[in-house]
Amino acid sequence: MNPRDMYEARAHAAEPTGQMNDRSRRIAALGRTILDYATLIGLIAIGILLVGFVSNFLFGSSVTTAL
């Protein structure tokens, strides 16, 4: 067995995730997409809350209610 074949055999043995099939890759990509959108929605919600608190502090409750 030449050194190149031994290296490839070791690389495959050390990296079992390299054998992922197409369905697993699609599921992983879908999971990452859902996580990205959930993070974006969470950041938008935090931003809205911060704008509400700042406007309430600066302008009073009448402006915050109008928003």
PDB file of N, CA and C in Angstrom:
ATOM      1  N   MET A   1       0.860  -1.179   0.000  1.00  0.00           N
ATOM      2  CA  MET A   1       0.000   0.000   0.000  1.00  0.00           C
ATOM      3  C   MET A   1       0.904   1.239   0.000  1.00  0.00           C
ATOM      4  N   ASN A   2       0.684   2.114  -0.962  1.00  0.00           N
ATOM      5  CA  ASN A   2       1.552   3.290  -1.014  1.00  0.00           C
ATOM      6  C   ASN A   2       1.090   4.356  -0.014  1.00  0.00           C
ATOM      7  N   PRO A   3       1.948   5.320   0.303  1.00  0.00           N
ATOM      8  CA  PRO A   3       1.617   6.310   1.345  1.00  0.00           C
ATOM      9  C   PRO A   3       0.359   7.128   1.047  1.00  0.00           C
ATOM     10  N   ARG A   4       0.102   7.393  -0.225  1.00  0.00           N
ATOM     11  CA  ARG A   4      -1.081   8.178  -0.573  1.00  0.00           C
ATOM     12  C   ARG A   4      -2.359   7.425  -0.214  1.00  0.00           C
ATOM     13  N   ASP A   5      -2.416   6.148  -0.521  1.00  0.00           N
ATOM     14  CA  ASP A   5      -3.588   5.345  -0.178  1.00  0.00           C
ATOM     15  C   ASP A   5      -3.774   5.244   1.333  1.00  0.00           C
ATOM     16  N   MET A   6      -2.662   5.125   2.059  1.00  0.00           N
ATOM     17  CA  MET A   6      -2.755   5.056   3.518  1.00  0.00           C
ATOM     18  C   MET A   6      -3.300   6.372   4.076  1.00  0.00           C
ATOM     19  N   TYR A   7      -2.850   7.505   3.503  1.00  0.00           N
ATOM     20  CA  TYR A   7      -3.322   8.811   3.968  1.00  0.00           C
ATOM     21  C   TYR A   7      -4.829   8.952   3.730  1.00  0.00           C
ATOM     22  N   GLU A   8      -5.289   8.553   2.538  1.00  0.00           N
ATOM     23  CA  GLU A   8      -6.716   8.648   2.233  1.00  0.00           C
ATOM     24  C   GLU A   8      -7.539   7.738   3.134  1.00  0.00           C
ATOM     25  N   ALA A   9      -7.031   6.556   3.423  1.00  0.00           N
ATOM     26  CA  ALA A   9      -7.750   5.632   4.300  1.00  0.00           C
ATOM     27  C   ALA A   9      -7.867   6.215   5.704  1.00  0.00           C
ATOM     28  N   ARG A  10      -6.790   6.830   6.192  1.00  0.00           N
ATOM     29  CA  ARG A  10      -6.832   7.458   7.520  1.00  0.00           C
ATOM     30  C   ARG A  10      -7.782   8.649   7.525  1.00  0.00           C
ATOM     31  N   ALA A  11      -7.788   9.433   6.461  1.00  0.00           N
ATOM     32  CA  ALA A  11      -8.664  10.606   6.398  1.00  0.00           C
ATOM     33  C   ALA A  11     -10.127  10.186   6.436  1.00  0.00           C
ATOM     34  N   HIS A  12     -10.481   9.124   5.716  1.00  0.00           N
ATOM     35  CA  HIS A  12     -11.873   8.655   5.734  1.00  0.00           C
ATOM     36  C   HIS A  12     -12.248   8.075   7.088  1.00  0.00           C
ATOM     37  N   ALA A  13     -11.318   7.402   7.737  1.00  0.00           N
ATOM     38  CA  ALA A  13     -11.611   6.813   9.043  1.00  0.00           C
ATOM     39  C   ALA A  13     -11.772   7.892  10.103  1.00  0.00           C
ATOM     40  N   ALA A  14     -11.015   8.986   9.989  1.00  0.00           N
ATOM     41  CA  ALA A  14     -11.063  10.042  10.999  1.00  0.00           C
ATOM     42  C   ALA A  14     -12.233  10.990  10.791  1.00  0.00           C
ATOM     43  N   GLU A  15     -12.819  10.980   9.605  1.00  0.00           N
ATOM     44  CA  GLU A  15     -13.881  11.934   9.309  1.00  0.00           C
ATOM     45  C   GLU A  15     -15.139  11.205   8.829  1.00  0.00           C
ATOM     46  N   PRO A  16     -15.931  10.677   9.749  1.00  0.00           N
ATOM     47  CA  PRO A  16     -17.131   9.947   9.326  1.00  0.00           C
ATOM     48  C   PRO A  16     -18.201  10.862   8.740  1.00  0.00           C
ATOM     49  N   THR A  17     -18.181  12.170   9.080  1.00  0.00           N
ATOM     50  CA  THR A  17     -19.197  13.077   8.538  1.00  0.00           C
ATOM     51  C   THR A  17     -18.974  13.344   7.060  1.00  0.00           C
ATOM     52  N   GLY A  18     -17.820  12.988   6.551  1.00  0.00           N
ATOM     53  CA  GLY A  18     -17.578  13.154   5.131  1.00  0.00           C
ATOM     54  C   GLY A  18     -18.445  12.244   4.287  1.00  0.00           C
ATOM     55  N   GLN A  19     -19.087  11.280   4.911  1.00  0.00           N
ATOM     56  CA  GLN A  19     -19.930  10.325   4.203  1.00  0.00           C
ATOM     57  C   GLN A  19     -21.403  10.739   4.190  1.00  0.00           C
ATOM     58  N   MET A  20     -21.701  11.994   4.528  1.00  0.00           N
ATOM     59  CA  MET A  20     -23.100  12.437   4.581  1.00  0.00           C
ATOM     60  C   MET A  20     -23.744  12.306   3.201  1.00  0.00           C
ATOM     61  N   ASN A  21     -24.958  11.818   3.178  1.00  0.00           N
ATOM     62  CA  ASN A  21     -25.636  11.704   1.904  1.00  0.00           C
ATOM     63  C   ASN A  21     -26.377  13.001   1.586  1.00  0.00           C
ATOM     64  N   ASP A  22     -26.995  13.043   0.425  1.00  0.00           N
ATOM     65  CA  ASP A  22     -27.635  14.270  -0.049  1.00  0.00           C
ATOM     66  C   ASP A  22     -28.784  14.695   0.855  1.00  0.00           C
ATOM     67  N   ARG A  23     -29.552  13.736   1.353  1.00  0.00           N
ATOM     68  CA  ARG A  23     -30.688  14.081   2.212  1.00  0.00           C
ATOM     69  C   ARG A  23     -30.217  14.723   3.517  1.00  0.00           C
ATOM     70  N   SER A  24     -29.165  14.184   4.102  1.00  0.00           N
ATOM     71  CA  SER A  24     -28.632  14.756   5.341  1.00  0.00           C
ATOM     72  C   SER A  24     -28.131  16.174   5.115  1.00  0.00           C
ATOM     73  N   ARG A  25     -27.506  16.415   3.981  1.00  0.00           N
ATOM     74  CA  ARG A  25     -27.032  17.770   3.676  1.00  0.00           C
ATOM     75  C   ARG A  25     -28.197  18.734   3.525  1.00  0.00           C
ATOM     76  N   ARG A  26     -29.272  18.291   2.870  1.00  0.00           N
ATOM     77  CA  ARG A  26     -30.438  19.171   2.703  1.00  0.00           C
ATOM     78  C   ARG A  26     -31.098  19.466   4.041  1.00  0.00           C
ATOM     79  N   ILE A  27     -31.186  18.461   4.908  1.00  0.00           N
ATOM     80  CA  ILE A  27     -31.783  18.671   6.233  1.00  0.00           C
ATOM     81  C   ILE A  27     -30.924  19.636   7.046  1.00  0.00           C
ATOM     82  N   ALA A  28     -29.605  19.482   6.969  1.00  0.00           N
ATOM     83  CA  ALA A  28     -28.709  20.384   7.697  1.00  0.00           C
ATOM     84  C   ALA A  28     -28.829  21.809   7.166  1.00  0.00           C
ATOM     85  N   ALA A  29     -28.927  21.960   5.853  1.00  0.00           N
ATOM     86  CA  ALA A  29     -29.072  23.297   5.272  1.00  0.00           C
ATOM     87  C   ALA A  29     -30.397  23.922   5.684  1.00  0.00           C
ATOM     88  N   LEU A  30     -31.455  23.129   5.717  1.00  0.00           N
ATOM     89  CA  LEU A  30     -32.756  23.639   6.151  1.00  0.00           C
ATOM     90  C   LEU A  30     -32.706  24.069   7.612  1.00  0.00           C
ATOM     91  N   GLY A  31     -32.045  23.286   8.448  1.00  0.00           N
ATOM     92  CA  GLY A  31     -31.906  23.644   9.858  1.00  0.00           C
ATOM     93  C   GLY A  31     -31.152  24.946  10.043  1.00  0.00           C
ATOM     94  N   ARG A  32     -30.080  25.126   9.258  1.00  0.00           N
ATOM     95  CA  ARG A  32     -29.330  26.384   9.351  1.00  0.00           C
ATOM     96  C   ARG A  32     -30.175  27.558   8.883  1.00  0.00           C
ATOM     97  N   THR A  33     -30.975  27.369   7.840  1.00  0.00           N
ATOM     98  CA  THR A  33     -31.834  28.441   7.345  1.00  0.00           C
ATOM     99  C   THR A  33     -32.875  28.826   8.385  1.00  0.00           C
ATOM    100  N   ILE A  34     -33.495  27.837   9.008  1.00  0.00           N
ATOM    101  CA  ILE A  34     -34.496  28.120  10.048  1.00  0.00           C
ATOM    102  C   ILE A  34     -33.842  28.855  11.211  1.00  0.00           C
ATOM    103  N   LEU A  35     -32.648  28.425  11.604  1.00  0.00           N
ATOM    104  CA  LEU A  35     -31.940  29.090  12.701  1.00  0.00           C
ATOM    105  C   LEU A  35     -31.586  30.530  12.343  1.00  0.00           C
ATOM    106  N   ASP A  36     -31.186  30.764  11.092  1.00  0.00           N
ATOM    107  CA  ASP A  36     -30.876  32.131  10.660  1.00  0.00           C
ATOM    108  C   ASP A  36     -32.106  33.024  10.745  1.00  0.00           C
ATOM    109  N   TYR A  37     -33.253  32.537  10.255  1.00  0.00           N
ATOM    110  CA  TYR A  37     -34.472  33.347  10.302  1.00  0.00           C
ATOM    111  C   TYR A  37     -34.945  33.568  11.737  1.00  0.00           C
ATOM    112  N   ALA A  38     -34.827  32.563  12.586  1.00  0.00           N
ATOM    113  CA  ALA A  38     -35.230  32.722  13.988  1.00  0.00           C
ATOM    114  C   ALA A  38     -34.350  33.759  14.682  1.00  0.00           C
ATOM    115  N   THR A  39     -33.057  33.738  14.380  1.00  0.00           N
ATOM    116  CA  THR A  39     -32.148  34.738  14.950  1.00  0.00           C
ATOM    117  C   THR A  39     -32.513  36.130  14.467  1.00  0.00           C
ATOM    118  N   LEU A  40     -32.807  36.267  13.185  1.00  0.00           N
ATOM    119  CA  LEU A  40     -33.191  37.568  12.632  1.00  0.00           C
ATOM    120  C   LEU A  40     -34.462  38.089  13.280  1.00  0.00           C
ATOM    121  N   ILE A  41     -35.457  37.234  13.444  1.00  0.00           N
ATOM    122  CA  ILE A  41     -36.716  37.643  14.082  1.00  0.00           C
ATOM    123  C   ILE A  41     -36.465  38.056  15.528  1.00  0.00           C
ATOM    124  N   GLY A  42     -35.626  37.320  16.228  1.00  0.00           N
ATOM    125  CA  GLY A  42     -35.298  37.671  17.608  1.00  0.00           C
ATOM    126  C   GLY A  42     -34.600  39.015  17.710  1.00  0.00           C
ATOM    127  N   LEU A  43     -33.665  39.280  16.807  1.00  0.00           N
ATOM    128  CA  LEU A  43     -32.973  40.569  16.827  1.00  0.00           C
ATOM    129  C   LEU A  43     -33.920  41.721  16.513  1.00  0.00           C
ATOM    130  N   ILE A  44     -34.848  41.510  15.588  1.00  0.00           N
ATOM    131  CA  ILE A  44     -35.834  42.548  15.276  1.00  0.00           C
ATOM    132  C   ILE A  44     -36.718  42.812  16.488  1.00  0.00           C
ATOM    133  N   ALA A  45     -37.145  41.757  17.182  1.00  0.00           N
ATOM    134  CA  ALA A  45     -37.984  41.932  18.375  1.00  0.00           C
ATOM    135  C   ALA A  45     -37.236  42.700  19.465  1.00  0.00           C
ATOM    136  N   ILE A  46     -35.967  42.376  19.668  1.00  0.00           N
ATOM    137  CA  ILE A  46     -35.171  43.107  20.665  1.00  0.00           C
ATOM    138  C   ILE A  46     -35.034  44.569  20.259  1.00  0.00           C
ATOM    139  N   GLY A  47     -34.839  44.829  18.978  1.00  0.00           N
ATOM    140  CA  GLY A  47     -34.743  46.209  18.498  1.00  0.00           C
ATOM    141  C   GLY A  47     -36.019  46.988  18.734  1.00  0.00           C
ATOM    142  N   ILE A  48     -37.167  46.368  18.491  1.00  0.00           N
ATOM    143  CA  ILE A  48     -38.450  47.040  18.722  1.00  0.00           C
ATOM    144  C   ILE A  48     -38.622  47.362  20.202  1.00  0.00           C
ATOM    145  N   LEU A  49     -38.272  46.420  21.063  1.00  0.00           N
ATOM    146  CA  LEU A  49     -38.367  46.673  22.505  1.00  0.00           C
ATOM    147  C   LEU A  49     -37.449  47.812  22.938  1.00  0.00           C
ATOM    148  N   LEU A  50     -36.234  47.832  22.409  1.00  0.00           N
ATOM    149  CA  LEU A  50     -35.305  48.903  22.772  1.00  0.00           C
ATOM    150  C   LEU A  50     -35.807  50.261  22.298  1.00  0.00           C
ATOM    151  N   VAL A  51     -36.359  50.333  21.098  1.00  0.00           N
ATOM    152  CA  VAL A  51     -36.924  51.592  20.602  1.00  0.00           C
ATOM    153  C   VAL A  51     -38.067  52.033  21.497  1.00  0.00           C
ATOM    154  N   GLY A  52     -38.894  51.105  21.932  1.00  0.00           N
ATOM    155  CA  GLY A  52     -39.993  51.446  22.832  1.00  0.00           C
ATOM    156  C   GLY A  52     -39.511  51.987  24.162  1.00  0.00           C
ATOM    157  N   PHE A  53     -38.510  51.342  24.740  1.00  0.00           N
ATOM    158  CA  PHE A  53     -37.980  51.812  26.026  1.00  0.00           C
ATOM    159  C   PHE A  53     -37.330  53.187  25.897  1.00  0.00           C
ATOM    160  N   VAL A  54     -36.557  53.388  24.833  1.00  0.00           N
ATOM    161  CA  VAL A  54     -35.873  54.672  24.653  1.00  0.00           C
ATOM    162  C   VAL A  54     -36.881  55.780  24.411  1.00  0.00           C
ATOM    163  N   SER A  55     -37.880  55.538  23.565  1.00  0.00           N
ATOM    164  CA  SER A  55     -38.867  56.589  23.306  1.00  0.00           C
ATOM    165  C   SER A  55     -39.706  56.871  24.548  1.00  0.00           C
ATOM    166  N   ASN A  56     -39.988  55.855  25.326  1.00  0.00           N
ATOM    167  CA  ASN A  56     -40.724  56.065  26.574  1.00  0.00           C
ATOM    168  C   ASN A  56     -39.895  56.909  27.541  1.00  0.00           C
ATOM    169  N   PHE A  57     -38.608  56.643  27.598  1.00  0.00           N
ATOM    170  CA  PHE A  57     -37.734  57.395  28.496  1.00  0.00           C
ATOM    171  C   PHE A  57     -37.583  58.844  28.028  1.00  0.00           C
ATOM    172  N   LEU A  58     -37.425  59.042  26.715  1.00  0.00           N
ATOM    173  CA  LEU A  58     -37.166  60.392  26.206  1.00  0.00           C
ATOM    174  C   LEU A  58     -38.426  61.233  26.065  1.00  0.00           C
ATOM    175  N   PHE A  59     -39.519  60.643  25.601  1.00  0.00           N
ATOM    176  CA  PHE A  59     -40.684  61.434  25.217  1.00  0.00           C
ATOM    177  C   PHE A  59     -41.902  61.211  26.093  1.00  0.00           C
ATOM    178  N   GLY A  60     -41.886  60.202  26.929  1.00  0.00           N
ATOM    179  CA  GLY A  60     -43.052  59.933  27.756  1.00  0.00           C
ATOM    180  C   GLY A  60     -43.950  58.892  27.132  1.00  0.00           C
ATOM    181  N   SER A  61     -44.952  58.475  27.880  1.00  0.00           N
ATOM    182  CA  SER A  61     -45.784  57.350  27.455  1.00  0.00           C
ATOM    183  C   SER A  61     -46.710  57.696  26.301  1.00  0.00           C
ATOM    184  N   SER A  62     -47.025  58.964  26.075  1.00  0.00           N
ATOM    185  CA  SER A  62     -47.959  59.313  24.997  1.00  0.00           C
ATOM    186  C   SER A  62     -47.365  58.999  23.628  1.00  0.00           C
ATOM    187  N   VAL A  63     -46.076  59.280  23.445  1.00  0.00           N
ATOM    188  CA  VAL A  63     -45.437  58.981  22.163  1.00  0.00           C
ATOM    189  C   VAL A  63     -45.269  57.475  22.005  1.00  0.00           C
ATOM    190  N   THR A  64     -44.921  56.790  23.069  1.00  0.00           N
ATOM    191  CA  THR A  64     -44.746  55.338  23.003  1.00  0.00           C
ATOM    192  C   THR A  64     -46.054  54.654  22.642  1.00  0.00           C
ATOM    193  N   THR A  65     -47.168  55.135  23.169  1.00  0.00           N
ATOM    194  CA  THR A  65     -48.474  54.559  22.841  1.00  0.00           C
ATOM    195  C   THR A  65     -48.802  54.792  21.370  1.00  0.00           C
ATOM    196  N   ALA A  66     -48.423  55.949  20.831  1.00  0.00           N
ATOM    197  CA  ALA A  66     -48.689  56.250  19.425  1.00  0.00           C
ATOM    198  C   ALA A  66     -47.890  55.343  18.500  1.00  0.00           C
ATOM    199  N   LEU A  67     -46.714  54.918  18.950  1.00  0.00           N
ATOM    200  CA  LEU A  67     -45.909  54.019  18.118  1.00  0.00           C
ATOM    201  C   LEU A  67     -46.567  52.657  18.042  1.00  0.00           C
TER     202      LEU A  67
END
